[in-house]
Amino acid sequence: YFANRWVDVSSDSWLKDHPAAWSN
């Protein structure tokens, strides 16, 4: 919302609290 960056996970994913974990 605030950085207007795409995130790799959907709102109901277990990765939602760590959005950079997958790309890392």
PDBML (XML) file of the C-alpha atoms, coordinates in Angstrom:
<?xml version="1.0" encoding="UTF-8" ?>
<PDBx:datablock datablockName="MODEL"
   xmlns:PDBx="http://pdbml.pdb.org/schema/pdbx-v50.xsd"
   xmlns:xsi="http://www.w3.org/2001/XMLSchema-instance"
   xsi:schemaLocation="http://pdbml.pdb.org/schema/pdbx-v50.xsd pdbx-v50.xsd">
   <PDBx:atom_siteCategory>
      <PDBx:atom_site id="1">
         <PDBx:B_iso_or_equiv>0.00</PDBx:B_iso_or_equiv>
         <PDBx:Cartn_x>0.000</PDBx:Cartn_x>
         <PDBx:Cartn_y>0.000</PDBx:Cartn_y>
         <PDBx:Cartn_z>0.000</PDBx:Cartn_z>
         <PDBx:auth_asym_id>A</PDBx:auth_asym_id>
         <PDBx:auth_atom_id>CA</PDBx:auth_atom_id>
         <PDBx:auth_comp_id>TYR</PDBx:auth_comp_id>
         <PDBx:auth_seq_id>1</PDBx:auth_seq_id>
         <PDBx:group_PDB>ATOM</PDBx:group_PDB>
         <PDBx:label_alt_id xsi:nil="true" />
         <PDBx:label_asym_id>A</PDBx:label_asym_id>
         <PDBx:label_atom_id>CA</PDBx:label_atom_id>
         <PDBx:label_comp_id>TYR</PDBx:label_comp_id>
         <PDBx:label_entity_id>1</PDBx:label_entity_id>
         <PDBx:label_seq_id>1</PDBx:label_seq_id>
         <PDBx:occupancy>1.00</PDBx:occupancy>
         <PDBx:pdbx_PDB_model_num>1</PDBx:pdbx_PDB_model_num>
         <PDBx:type_symbol>C</PDBx:type_symbol>
      </PDBx:atom_site>
      <PDBx:atom_site id="2">
         <PDBx:B_iso_or_equiv>0.00</PDBx:B_iso_or_equiv>
         <PDBx:Cartn_x>2.647</PDBx:Cartn_x>
         <PDBx:Cartn_y>2.558</PDBx:Cartn_y>
         <PDBx:Cartn_z>1.009</PDBx:Cartn_z>
         <PDBx:auth_asym_id>A</PDBx:auth_asym_id>
         <PDBx:auth_atom_id>CA</PDBx:auth_atom_id>
         <PDBx:auth_comp_id>PHE</PDBx:auth_comp_id>
         <PDBx:auth_seq_id>2</PDBx:auth_seq_id>
         <PDBx:group_PDB>ATOM</PDBx:group_PDB>
         <PDBx:label_alt_id xsi:nil="true" />
         <PDBx:label_asym_id>A</PDBx:label_asym_id>
         <PDBx:label_atom_id>CA</PDBx:label_atom_id>
         <PDBx:label_comp_id>PHE</PDBx:label_comp_id>
         <PDBx:label_entity_id>1</PDBx:label_entity_id>
         <PDBx:label_seq_id>2</PDBx:label_seq_id>
         <PDBx:occupancy>1.00</PDBx:occupancy>
         <PDBx:pdbx_PDB_model_num>1</PDBx:pdbx_PDB_model_num>
         <PDBx:type_symbol>C</PDBx:type_symbol>
      </PDBx:atom_site>
      <PDBx:atom_site id="3">
         <PDBx:B_iso_or_equiv>0.00</PDBx:B_iso_or_equiv>
         <PDBx:Cartn_x>5.674</PDBx:Cartn_x>
         <PDBx:Cartn_y>1.545</PDBx:Cartn_y>
         <PDBx:Cartn_z>-1.090</PDBx:Cartn_z>
         <PDBx:auth_asym_id>A</PDBx:auth_asym_id>
         <PDBx:auth_atom_id>CA</PDBx:auth_atom_id>
         <PDBx:auth_comp_id>ALA</PDBx:auth_comp_id>
         <PDBx:auth_seq_id>3</PDBx:auth_seq_id>
         <PDBx:group_PDB>ATOM</PDBx:group_PDB>
         <PDBx:label_alt_id xsi:nil="true" />
         <PDBx:label_asym_id>A</PDBx:label_asym_id>
         <PDBx:label_atom_id>CA</PDBx:label_atom_id>
         <PDBx:label_comp_id>ALA</PDBx:label_comp_id>
         <PDBx:label_entity_id>1</PDBx:label_entity_id>
         <PDBx:label_seq_id>3</PDBx:label_seq_id>
         <PDBx:occupancy>1.00</PDBx:occupancy>
         <PDBx:pdbx_PDB_model_num>1</PDBx:pdbx_PDB_model_num>
         <PDBx:type_symbol>C</PDBx:type_symbol>
      </PDBx:atom_site>
      <PDBx:atom_site id="4">
         <PDBx:B_iso_or_equiv>0.00</PDBx:B_iso_or_equiv>
         <PDBx:Cartn_x>3.566</PDBx:Cartn_x>
         <PDBx:Cartn_y>0.376</PDBx:Cartn_y>
         <PDBx:Cartn_z>-4.068</PDBx:Cartn_z>
         <PDBx:auth_asym_id>A</PDBx:auth_asym_id>
         <PDBx:auth_atom_id>CA</PDBx:auth_atom_id>
         <PDBx:auth_comp_id>ASN</PDBx:auth_comp_id>
         <PDBx:auth_seq_id>4</PDBx:auth_seq_id>
         <PDBx:group_PDB>ATOM</PDBx:group_PDB>
         <PDBx:label_alt_id xsi:nil="true" />
         <PDBx:label_asym_id>A</PDBx:label_asym_id>
         <PDBx:label_atom_id>CA</PDBx:label_atom_id>
         <PDBx:label_comp_id>ASN</PDBx:label_comp_id>
         <PDBx:label_entity_id>1</PDBx:label_entity_id>
         <PDBx:label_seq_id>4</PDBx:label_seq_id>
         <PDBx:occupancy>1.00</PDBx:occupancy>
         <PDBx:pdbx_PDB_model_num>1</PDBx:pdbx_PDB_model_num>
         <PDBx:type_symbol>C</PDBx:type_symbol>
      </PDBx:atom_site>
      <PDBx:atom_site id="5">
         <PDBx:B_iso_or_equiv>0.00</PDBx:B_iso_or_equiv>
         <PDBx:Cartn_x>5.749</PDBx:Cartn_x>
         <PDBx:Cartn_y>-2.704</PDBx:Cartn_y>
         <PDBx:Cartn_z>-4.432</PDBx:Cartn_z>
         <PDBx:auth_asym_id>A</PDBx:auth_asym_id>
         <PDBx:auth_atom_id>CA</PDBx:auth_atom_id>
         <PDBx:auth_comp_id>ARG</PDBx:auth_comp_id>
         <PDBx:auth_seq_id>5</PDBx:auth_seq_id>
         <PDBx:group_PDB>ATOM</PDBx:group_PDB>
         <PDBx:label_alt_id xsi:nil="true" />
         <PDBx:label_asym_id>A</PDBx:label_asym_id>
         <PDBx:label_atom_id>CA</PDBx:label_atom_id>
         <PDBx:label_comp_id>ARG</PDBx:label_comp_id>
         <PDBx:label_entity_id>1</PDBx:label_entity_id>
         <PDBx:label_seq_id>5</PDBx:label_seq_id>
         <PDBx:occupancy>1.00</PDBx:occupancy>
         <PDBx:pdbx_PDB_model_num>1</PDBx:pdbx_PDB_model_num>
         <PDBx:type_symbol>C</PDBx:type_symbol>
      </PDBx:atom_site>
      <PDBx:atom_site id="6">
         <PDBx:B_iso_or_equiv>0.00</PDBx:B_iso_or_equiv>
         <PDBx:Cartn_x>4.538</PDBx:Cartn_x>
         <PDBx:Cartn_y>-6.105</PDBx:Cartn_y>
         <PDBx:Cartn_z>-5.555</PDBx:Cartn_z>
         <PDBx:auth_asym_id>A</PDBx:auth_asym_id>
         <PDBx:auth_atom_id>CA</PDBx:auth_atom_id>
         <PDBx:auth_comp_id>TRP</PDBx:auth_comp_id>
         <PDBx:auth_seq_id>6</PDBx:auth_seq_id>
         <PDBx:group_PDB>ATOM</PDBx:group_PDB>
         <PDBx:label_alt_id xsi:nil="true" />
         <PDBx:label_asym_id>A</PDBx:label_asym_id>
         <PDBx:label_atom_id>CA</PDBx:label_atom_id>
         <PDBx:label_comp_id>TRP</PDBx:label_comp_id>
         <PDBx:label_entity_id>1</PDBx:label_entity_id>
         <PDBx:label_seq_id>6</PDBx:label_seq_id>
         <PDBx:occupancy>1.00</PDBx:occupancy>
         <PDBx:pdbx_PDB_model_num>1</PDBx:pdbx_PDB_model_num>
         <PDBx:type_symbol>C</PDBx:type_symbol>
      </PDBx:atom_site>
      <PDBx:atom_site id="7">
         <PDBx:B_iso_or_equiv>0.00</PDBx:B_iso_or_equiv>
         <PDBx:Cartn_x>4.665</PDBx:Cartn_x>
         <PDBx:Cartn_y>-8.793</PDBx:Cartn_y>
         <PDBx:Cartn_z>-2.877</PDBx:Cartn_z>
         <PDBx:auth_asym_id>A</PDBx:auth_asym_id>
         <PDBx:auth_atom_id>CA</PDBx:auth_atom_id>
         <PDBx:auth_comp_id>VAL</PDBx:auth_comp_id>
         <PDBx:auth_seq_id>7</PDBx:auth_seq_id>
         <PDBx:group_PDB>ATOM</PDBx:group_PDB>
         <PDBx:label_alt_id xsi:nil="true" />
         <PDBx:label_asym_id>A</PDBx:label_asym_id>
         <PDBx:label_atom_id>CA</PDBx:label_atom_id>
         <PDBx:label_comp_id>VAL</PDBx:label_comp_id>
         <PDBx:label_entity_id>1</PDBx:label_entity_id>
         <PDBx:label_seq_id>7</PDBx:label_seq_id>
         <PDBx:occupancy>1.00</PDBx:occupancy>
         <PDBx:pdbx_PDB_model_num>1</PDBx:pdbx_PDB_model_num>
         <PDBx:type_symbol>C</PDBx:type_symbol>
      </PDBx:atom_site>
      <PDBx:atom_site id="8">
         <PDBx:B_iso_or_equiv>0.00</PDBx:B_iso_or_equiv>
         <PDBx:Cartn_x>5.185</PDBx:Cartn_x>
         <PDBx:Cartn_y>-12.467</PDBx:Cartn_y>
         <PDBx:Cartn_z>-3.585</PDBx:Cartn_z>
         <PDBx:auth_asym_id>A</PDBx:auth_asym_id>
         <PDBx:auth_atom_id>CA</PDBx:auth_atom_id>
         <PDBx:auth_comp_id>ASP</PDBx:auth_comp_id>
         <PDBx:auth_seq_id>8</PDBx:auth_seq_id>
         <PDBx:group_PDB>ATOM</PDBx:group_PDB>
         <PDBx:label_alt_id xsi:nil="true" />
         <PDBx:label_asym_id>A</PDBx:label_asym_id>
         <PDBx:label_atom_id>CA</PDBx:label_atom_id>
         <PDBx:label_comp_id>ASP</PDBx:label_comp_id>
         <PDBx:label_entity_id>1</PDBx:label_entity_id>
         <PDBx:label_seq_id>8</PDBx:label_seq_id>
         <PDBx:occupancy>1.00</PDBx:occupancy>
         <PDBx:pdbx_PDB_model_num>1</PDBx:pdbx_PDB_model_num>
         <PDBx:type_symbol>C</PDBx:type_symbol>
      </PDBx:atom_site>
      <PDBx:atom_site id="9">
         <PDBx:B_iso_or_equiv>0.00</PDBx:B_iso_or_equiv>
         <PDBx:Cartn_x>2.458</PDBx:Cartn_x>
         <PDBx:Cartn_y>-13.782</PDBx:Cartn_y>
         <PDBx:Cartn_z>-1.302</PDBx:Cartn_z>
         <PDBx:auth_asym_id>A</PDBx:auth_asym_id>
         <PDBx:auth_atom_id>CA</PDBx:auth_atom_id>
         <PDBx:auth_comp_id>VAL</PDBx:auth_comp_id>
         <PDBx:auth_seq_id>9</PDBx:auth_seq_id>
         <PDBx:group_PDB>ATOM</PDBx:group_PDB>
         <PDBx:label_alt_id xsi:nil="true" />
         <PDBx:label_asym_id>A</PDBx:label_asym_id>
         <PDBx:label_atom_id>CA</PDBx:label_atom_id>
         <PDBx:label_comp_id>VAL</PDBx:label_comp_id>
         <PDBx:label_entity_id>1</PDBx:label_entity_id>
         <PDBx:label_seq_id>9</PDBx:label_seq_id>
         <PDBx:occupancy>1.00</PDBx:occupancy>
         <PDBx:pdbx_PDB_model_num>1</PDBx:pdbx_PDB_model_num>
         <PDBx:type_symbol>C</PDBx:type_symbol>
      </PDBx:atom_site>
      <PDBx:atom_site id="10">
         <PDBx:B_iso_or_equiv>0.00</PDBx:B_iso_or_equiv>
         <PDBx:Cartn_x>-1.305</PDBx:Cartn_x>
         <PDBx:Cartn_y>-13.416</PDBx:Cartn_y>
         <PDBx:Cartn_z>-1.080</PDBx:Cartn_z>
         <PDBx:auth_asym_id>A</PDBx:auth_asym_id>
         <PDBx:auth_atom_id>CA</PDBx:auth_atom_id>
         <PDBx:auth_comp_id>SER</PDBx:auth_comp_id>
         <PDBx:auth_seq_id>10</PDBx:auth_seq_id>
         <PDBx:group_PDB>ATOM</PDBx:group_PDB>
         <PDBx:label_alt_id xsi:nil="true" />
         <PDBx:label_asym_id>A</PDBx:label_asym_id>
         <PDBx:label_atom_id>CA</PDBx:label_atom_id>
         <PDBx:label_comp_id>SER</PDBx:label_comp_id>
         <PDBx:label_entity_id>1</PDBx:label_entity_id>
         <PDBx:label_seq_id>10</PDBx:label_seq_id>
         <PDBx:occupancy>1.00</PDBx:occupancy>
         <PDBx:pdbx_PDB_model_num>1</PDBx:pdbx_PDB_model_num>
         <PDBx:type_symbol>C</PDBx:type_symbol>
      </PDBx:atom_site>
      <PDBx:atom_site id="11">
         <PDBx:B_iso_or_equiv>0.00</PDBx:B_iso_or_equiv>
         <PDBx:Cartn_x>-3.147</PDBx:Cartn_x>
         <PDBx:Cartn_y>-12.059</PDBx:Cartn_y>
         <PDBx:Cartn_z>1.925</PDBx:Cartn_z>
         <PDBx:auth_asym_id>A</PDBx:auth_asym_id>
         <PDBx:auth_atom_id>CA</PDBx:auth_atom_id>
         <PDBx:auth_comp_id>SER</PDBx:auth_comp_id>
         <PDBx:auth_seq_id>11</PDBx:auth_seq_id>
         <PDBx:group_PDB>ATOM</PDBx:group_PDB>
         <PDBx:label_alt_id xsi:nil="true" />
         <PDBx:label_asym_id>A</PDBx:label_asym_id>
         <PDBx:label_atom_id>CA</PDBx:label_atom_id>
         <PDBx:label_comp_id>SER</PDBx:label_comp_id>
         <PDBx:label_entity_id>1</PDBx:label_entity_id>
         <PDBx:label_seq_id>11</PDBx:label_seq_id>
         <PDBx:occupancy>1.00</PDBx:occupancy>
         <PDBx:pdbx_PDB_model_num>1</PDBx:pdbx_PDB_model_num>
         <PDBx:type_symbol>C</PDBx:type_symbol>
      </PDBx:atom_site>
      <PDBx:atom_site id="12">
         <PDBx:B_iso_or_equiv>0.00</PDBx:B_iso_or_equiv>
         <PDBx:Cartn_x>-3.998</PDBx:Cartn_x>
         <PDBx:Cartn_y>-15.552</PDBx:Cartn_y>
         <PDBx:Cartn_z>3.212</PDBx:Cartn_z>
         <PDBx:auth_asym_id>A</PDBx:auth_asym_id>
         <PDBx:auth_atom_id>CA</PDBx:auth_atom_id>
         <PDBx:auth_comp_id>ASP</PDBx:auth_comp_id>
         <PDBx:auth_seq_id>12</PDBx:auth_seq_id>
         <PDBx:group_PDB>ATOM</PDBx:group_PDB>
         <PDBx:label_alt_id xsi:nil="true" />
         <PDBx:label_asym_id>A</PDBx:label_asym_id>
         <PDBx:label_atom_id>CA</PDBx:label_atom_id>
         <PDBx:label_comp_id>ASP</PDBx:label_comp_id>
         <PDBx:label_entity_id>1</PDBx:label_entity_id>
         <PDBx:label_seq_id>12</PDBx:label_seq_id>
         <PDBx:occupancy>1.00</PDBx:occupancy>
         <PDBx:pdbx_PDB_model_num>1</PDBx:pdbx_PDB_model_num>
         <PDBx:type_symbol>C</PDBx:type_symbol>
      </PDBx:atom_site>
      <PDBx:atom_site id="13">
         <PDBx:B_iso_or_equiv>0.00</PDBx:B_iso_or_equiv>
         <PDBx:Cartn_x>-0.521</PDBx:Cartn_x>
         <PDBx:Cartn_y>-17.065</PDBx:Cartn_y>
         <PDBx:Cartn_z>2.787</PDBx:Cartn_z>
         <PDBx:auth_asym_id>A</PDBx:auth_asym_id>
         <PDBx:auth_atom_id>CA</PDBx:auth_atom_id>
         <PDBx:auth_comp_id>SER</PDBx:auth_comp_id>
         <PDBx:auth_seq_id>13</PDBx:auth_seq_id>
         <PDBx:group_PDB>ATOM</PDBx:group_PDB>
         <PDBx:label_alt_id xsi:nil="true" />
         <PDBx:label_asym_id>A</PDBx:label_asym_id>
         <PDBx:label_atom_id>CA</PDBx:label_atom_id>
         <PDBx:label_comp_id>SER</PDBx:label_comp_id>
         <PDBx:label_entity_id>1</PDBx:label_entity_id>
         <PDBx:label_seq_id>13</PDBx:label_seq_id>
         <PDBx:occupancy>1.00</PDBx:occupancy>
         <PDBx:pdbx_PDB_model_num>1</PDBx:pdbx_PDB_model_num>
         <PDBx:type_symbol>C</PDBx:type_symbol>
      </PDBx:atom_site>
      <PDBx:atom_site id="14">
         <PDBx:B_iso_or_equiv>0.00</PDBx:B_iso_or_equiv>
         <PDBx:Cartn_x>1.512</PDBx:Cartn_x>
         <PDBx:Cartn_y>-18.290</PDBx:Cartn_y>
         <PDBx:Cartn_z>5.754</PDBx:Cartn_z>
         <PDBx:auth_asym_id>A</PDBx:auth_asym_id>
         <PDBx:auth_atom_id>CA</PDBx:auth_atom_id>
         <PDBx:auth_comp_id>TRP</PDBx:auth_comp_id>
         <PDBx:auth_seq_id>14</PDBx:auth_seq_id>
         <PDBx:group_PDB>ATOM</PDBx:group_PDB>
         <PDBx:label_alt_id xsi:nil="true" />
         <PDBx:label_asym_id>A</PDBx:label_asym_id>
         <PDBx:label_atom_id>CA</PDBx:label_atom_id>
         <PDBx:label_comp_id>TRP</PDBx:label_comp_id>
         <PDBx:label_entity_id>1</PDBx:label_entity_id>
         <PDBx:label_seq_id>14</PDBx:label_seq_id>
         <PDBx:occupancy>1.00</PDBx:occupancy>
         <PDBx:pdbx_PDB_model_num>1</PDBx:pdbx_PDB_model_num>
         <PDBx:type_symbol>C</PDBx:type_symbol>
      </PDBx:atom_site>
      <PDBx:atom_site id="15">
         <PDBx:B_iso_or_equiv>0.00</PDBx:B_iso_or_equiv>
         <PDBx:Cartn_x>4.374</PDBx:Cartn_x>
         <PDBx:Cartn_y>-16.132</PDBx:Cartn_y>
         <PDBx:Cartn_z>4.348</PDBx:Cartn_z>
         <PDBx:auth_asym_id>A</PDBx:auth_asym_id>
         <PDBx:auth_atom_id>CA</PDBx:auth_atom_id>
         <PDBx:auth_comp_id>LEU</PDBx:auth_comp_id>
         <PDBx:auth_seq_id>15</PDBx:auth_seq_id>
         <PDBx:group_PDB>ATOM</PDBx:group_PDB>
         <PDBx:label_alt_id xsi:nil="true" />
         <PDBx:label_asym_id>A</PDBx:label_asym_id>
         <PDBx:label_atom_id>CA</PDBx:label_atom_id>
         <PDBx:label_comp_id>LEU</PDBx:label_comp_id>
         <PDBx:label_entity_id>1</PDBx:label_entity_id>
         <PDBx:label_seq_id>15</PDBx:label_seq_id>
         <PDBx:occupancy>1.00</PDBx:occupancy>
         <PDBx:pdbx_PDB_model_num>1</PDBx:pdbx_PDB_model_num>
         <PDBx:type_symbol>C</PDBx:type_symbol>
      </PDBx:atom_site>
      <PDBx:atom_site id="16">
         <PDBx:B_iso_or_equiv>0.00</PDBx:B_iso_or_equiv>
         <PDBx:Cartn_x>2.377</PDBx:Cartn_x>
         <PDBx:Cartn_y>-12.907</PDBx:Cartn_y>
         <PDBx:Cartn_z>4.617</PDBx:Cartn_z>
         <PDBx:auth_asym_id>A</PDBx:auth_asym_id>
         <PDBx:auth_atom_id>CA</PDBx:auth_atom_id>
         <PDBx:auth_comp_id>LYS</PDBx:auth_comp_id>
         <PDBx:auth_seq_id>16</PDBx:auth_seq_id>
         <PDBx:group_PDB>ATOM</PDBx:group_PDB>
         <PDBx:label_alt_id xsi:nil="true" />
         <PDBx:label_asym_id>A</PDBx:label_asym_id>
         <PDBx:label_atom_id>CA</PDBx:label_atom_id>
         <PDBx:label_comp_id>LYS</PDBx:label_comp_id>
         <PDBx:label_entity_id>1</PDBx:label_entity_id>
         <PDBx:label_seq_id>16</PDBx:label_seq_id>
         <PDBx:occupancy>1.00</PDBx:occupancy>
         <PDBx:pdbx_PDB_model_num>1</PDBx:pdbx_PDB_model_num>
         <PDBx:type_symbol>C</PDBx:type_symbol>
      </PDBx:atom_site>
      <PDBx:atom_site id="17">
         <PDBx:B_iso_or_equiv>0.00</PDBx:B_iso_or_equiv>
         <PDBx:Cartn_x>4.227</PDBx:Cartn_x>
         <PDBx:Cartn_y>-11.669</PDBx:Cartn_y>
         <PDBx:Cartn_z>7.717</PDBx:Cartn_z>
         <PDBx:auth_asym_id>A</PDBx:auth_asym_id>
         <PDBx:auth_atom_id>CA</PDBx:auth_atom_id>
         <PDBx:auth_comp_id>ASP</PDBx:auth_comp_id>
         <PDBx:auth_seq_id>17</PDBx:auth_seq_id>
         <PDBx:group_PDB>ATOM</PDBx:group_PDB>
         <PDBx:label_alt_id xsi:nil="true" />
         <PDBx:label_asym_id>A</PDBx:label_asym_id>
         <PDBx:label_atom_id>CA</PDBx:label_atom_id>
         <PDBx:label_comp_id>ASP</PDBx:label_comp_id>
         <PDBx:label_entity_id>1</PDBx:label_entity_id>
         <PDBx:label_seq_id>17</PDBx:label_seq_id>
         <PDBx:occupancy>1.00</PDBx:occupancy>
         <PDBx:pdbx_PDB_model_num>1</PDBx:pdbx_PDB_model_num>
         <PDBx:type_symbol>C</PDBx:type_symbol>
      </PDBx:atom_site>
      <PDBx:atom_site id="18">
         <PDBx:B_iso_or_equiv>0.00</PDBx:B_iso_or_equiv>
         <PDBx:Cartn_x>7.588</PDBx:Cartn_x>
         <PDBx:Cartn_y>-12.184</PDBx:Cartn_y>
         <PDBx:Cartn_z>5.983</PDBx:Cartn_z>
         <PDBx:auth_asym_id>A</PDBx:auth_asym_id>
         <PDBx:auth_atom_id>CA</PDBx:auth_atom_id>
         <PDBx:auth_comp_id>HIS</PDBx:auth_comp_id>
         <PDBx:auth_seq_id>18</PDBx:auth_seq_id>
         <PDBx:group_PDB>ATOM</PDBx:group_PDB>
         <PDBx:label_alt_id xsi:nil="true" />
         <PDBx:label_asym_id>A</PDBx:label_asym_id>
         <PDBx:label_atom_id>CA</PDBx:label_atom_id>
         <PDBx:label_comp_id>HIS</PDBx:label_comp_id>
         <PDBx:label_entity_id>1</PDBx:label_entity_id>
         <PDBx:label_seq_id>18</PDBx:label_seq_id>
         <PDBx:occupancy>1.00</PDBx:occupancy>
         <PDBx:pdbx_PDB_model_num>1</PDBx:pdbx_PDB_model_num>
         <PDBx:type_symbol>C</PDBx:type_symbol>
      </PDBx:atom_site>
      <PDBx:atom_site id="19">
         <PDBx:B_iso_or_equiv>0.00</PDBx:B_iso_or_equiv>
         <PDBx:Cartn_x>6.970</PDBx:Cartn_x>
         <PDBx:Cartn_y>-11.007</PDBx:Cartn_y>
         <PDBx:Cartn_z>2.410</PDBx:Cartn_z>
         <PDBx:auth_asym_id>A</PDBx:auth_asym_id>
         <PDBx:auth_atom_id>CA</PDBx:auth_atom_id>
         <PDBx:auth_comp_id>PRO</PDBx:auth_comp_id>
         <PDBx:auth_seq_id>19</PDBx:auth_seq_id>
         <PDBx:group_PDB>ATOM</PDBx:group_PDB>
         <PDBx:label_alt_id xsi:nil="true" />
         <PDBx:label_asym_id>A</PDBx:label_asym_id>
         <PDBx:label_atom_id>CA</PDBx:label_atom_id>
         <PDBx:label_comp_id>PRO</PDBx:label_comp_id>
         <PDBx:label_entity_id>1</PDBx:label_entity_id>
         <PDBx:label_seq_id>19</PDBx:label_seq_id>
         <PDBx:occupancy>1.00</PDBx:occupancy>
         <PDBx:pdbx_PDB_model_num>1</PDBx:pdbx_PDB_model_num>
         <PDBx:type_symbol>C</PDBx:type_symbol>
      </PDBx:atom_site>
      <PDBx:atom_site id="20">
         <PDBx:B_iso_or_equiv>0.00</PDBx:B_iso_or_equiv>
         <PDBx:Cartn_x>10.652</PDBx:Cartn_x>
         <PDBx:Cartn_y>-10.969</PDBx:Cartn_y>
         <PDBx:Cartn_z>1.428</PDBx:Cartn_z>
         <PDBx:auth_asym_id>A</PDBx:auth_asym_id>
         <PDBx:auth_atom_id>CA</PDBx:auth_atom_id>
         <PDBx:auth_comp_id>ALA</PDBx:auth_comp_id>
         <PDBx:auth_seq_id>20</PDBx:auth_seq_id>
         <PDBx:group_PDB>ATOM</PDBx:group_PDB>
         <PDBx:label_alt_id xsi:nil="true" />
         <PDBx:label_asym_id>A</PDBx:label_asym_id>
         <PDBx:label_atom_id>CA</PDBx:label_atom_id>
         <PDBx:label_comp_id>ALA</PDBx:label_comp_id>
         <PDBx:label_entity_id>1</PDBx:label_entity_id>
         <PDBx:label_seq_id>20</PDBx:label_seq_id>
         <PDBx:occupancy>1.00</PDBx:occupancy>
         <PDBx:pdbx_PDB_model_num>1</PDBx:pdbx_PDB_model_num>
         <PDBx:type_symbol>C</PDBx:type_symbol>
      </PDBx:atom_site>
      <PDBx:atom_site id="21">
         <PDBx:B_iso_or_equiv>0.00</PDBx:B_iso_or_equiv>
         <PDBx:Cartn_x>11.425</PDBx:Cartn_x>
         <PDBx:Cartn_y>-14.477</PDBx:Cartn_y>
         <PDBx:Cartn_z>2.713</PDBx:Cartn_z>
         <PDBx:auth_asym_id>A</PDBx:auth_asym_id>
         <PDBx:auth_atom_id>CA</PDBx:auth_atom_id>
         <PDBx:auth_comp_id>ALA</PDBx:auth_comp_id>
         <PDBx:auth_seq_id>21</PDBx:auth_seq_id>
         <PDBx:group_PDB>ATOM</PDBx:group_PDB>
         <PDBx:label_alt_id xsi:nil="true" />
         <PDBx:label_asym_id>A</PDBx:label_asym_id>
         <PDBx:label_atom_id>CA</PDBx:label_atom_id>
         <PDBx:label_comp_id>ALA</PDBx:label_comp_id>
         <PDBx:label_entity_id>1</PDBx:label_entity_id>
         <PDBx:label_seq_id>21</PDBx:label_seq_id>
         <PDBx:occupancy>1.00</PDBx:occupancy>
         <PDBx:pdbx_PDB_model_num>1</PDBx:pdbx_PDB_model_num>
         <PDBx:type_symbol>C</PDBx:type_symbol>
      </PDBx:atom_site>
      <PDBx:atom_site id="22">
         <PDBx:B_iso_or_equiv>0.00</PDBx:B_iso_or_equiv>
         <PDBx:Cartn_x>10.656</PDBx:Cartn_x>
         <PDBx:Cartn_y>-16.272</PDBx:Cartn_y>
         <PDBx:Cartn_z>-0.549</PDBx:Cartn_z>
         <PDBx:auth_asym_id>A</PDBx:auth_asym_id>
         <PDBx:auth_atom_id>CA</PDBx:auth_atom_id>
         <PDBx:auth_comp_id>TRP</PDBx:auth_comp_id>
         <PDBx:auth_seq_id>22</PDBx:auth_seq_id>
         <PDBx:group_PDB>ATOM</PDBx:group_PDB>
         <PDBx:label_alt_id xsi:nil="true" />
         <PDBx:label_asym_id>A</PDBx:label_asym_id>
         <PDBx:label_atom_id>CA</PDBx:label_atom_id>
         <PDBx:label_comp_id>TRP</PDBx:label_comp_id>
         <PDBx:label_entity_id>1</PDBx:label_entity_id>
         <PDBx:label_seq_id>22</PDBx:label_seq_id>
         <PDBx:occupancy>1.00</PDBx:occupancy>
         <PDBx:pdbx_PDB_model_num>1</PDBx:pdbx_PDB_model_num>
         <PDBx:type_symbol>C</PDBx:type_symbol>
      </PDBx:atom_site>
      <PDBx:atom_site id="23">
         <PDBx:B_iso_or_equiv>0.00</PDBx:B_iso_or_equiv>
         <PDBx:Cartn_x>12.596</PDBx:Cartn_x>
         <PDBx:Cartn_y>-13.883</PDBx:Cartn_y>
         <PDBx:Cartn_z>-2.791</PDBx:Cartn_z>
         <PDBx:auth_asym_id>A</PDBx:auth_asym_id>
         <PDBx:auth_atom_id>CA</PDBx:auth_atom_id>
         <PDBx:auth_comp_id>SER</PDBx:auth_comp_id>
         <PDBx:auth_seq_id>23</PDBx:auth_seq_id>
         <PDBx:group_PDB>ATOM</PDBx:group_PDB>
         <PDBx:label_alt_id xsi:nil="true" />
         <PDBx:label_asym_id>A</PDBx:label_asym_id>
         <PDBx:label_atom_id>CA</PDBx:label_atom_id>
         <PDBx:label_comp_id>SER</PDBx:label_comp_id>
         <PDBx:label_entity_id>1</PDBx:label_entity_id>
         <PDBx:label_seq_id>23</PDBx:label_seq_id>
         <PDBx:occupancy>1.00</PDBx:occupancy>
         <PDBx:pdbx_PDB_model_num>1</PDBx:pdbx_PDB_model_num>
         <PDBx:type_symbol>C</PDBx:type_symbol>
      </PDBx:atom_site>
      <PDBx:atom_site id="24">
         <PDBx:B_iso_or_equiv>0.00</PDBx:B_iso_or_equiv>
         <PDBx:Cartn_x>15.520</PDBx:Cartn_x>
         <PDBx:Cartn_y>-14.017</PDBx:Cartn_y>
         <PDBx:Cartn_z>-0.336</PDBx:Cartn_z>
         <PDBx:auth_asym_id>A</PDBx:auth_asym_id>
         <PDBx:auth_atom_id>CA</PDBx:auth_atom_id>
         <PDBx:auth_comp_id>ASN</PDBx:auth_comp_id>
         <PDBx:auth_seq_id>24</PDBx:auth_seq_id>
         <PDBx:group_PDB>ATOM</PDBx:group_PDB>
         <PDBx:label_alt_id xsi:nil="true" />
         <PDBx:label_asym_id>A</PDBx:label_asym_id>
         <PDBx:label_atom_id>CA</PDBx:label_atom_id>
         <PDBx:label_comp_id>ASN</PDBx:label_comp_id>
         <PDBx:label_entity_id>1</PDBx:label_entity_id>
         <PDBx:label_seq_id>24</PDBx:label_seq_id>
         <PDBx:occupancy>1.00</PDBx:occupancy>
         <PDBx:pdbx_PDB_model_num>1</PDBx:pdbx_PDB_model_num>
         <PDBx:type_symbol>C</PDBx:type_symbol>
      </PDBx:atom_site>
   </PDBx:atom_siteCategory>
</PDBx:datablock>
